């Protein structure tokens, strides 16, 4: 295996496909859109329940640095968000809170303004928004699997994952 370009040394073993993919995709996204896969993956948590299904971050436009003799300090950018239909009006009213959440995600004031573009935002072909709750034997099986989990957040995450996985299995 190569030791540069996102590939790990053979000592560690096989690299996860997500690490390799993110290593390849992140530089391209950063160059073209100013964002990374971590922002895209965390968008539903950042946007919250009200806007996760109808918005998508498109790009961050960073202001150009000044020329010689001008201030070279970092300046926050403008985040362009695609939003569906009339929900853009509600997003406009909530943009102050959303900017705080985005900057909290980055850990520094990365964005000072949001630009909203109305256009369709799709989840992709064949993806449902929420898995159907389990019933009967499948629900009991999932609860039995989660018996040793103590943390509420971890329990909820495992329940969502289990519901999605067990709900897609066809009865034999």
Foldseek 3Di string as FASTA:
>chain_A
DDVDQQDNDPVVPDDDPVSNVQSVVAVVCCVPAVDGVVCQVCVCVLVDPLFSAFKGWGHWDFDDADDPPDDRDGDATEIEMEGEDPCVVVCVVCVVSSQVSVCVVVVHNRHDYYHYDYDGDHPDPPDDDAFDADDDPLNVVQCVVCVVDDDPVVSVVSNRVSSVVSSPDDDD
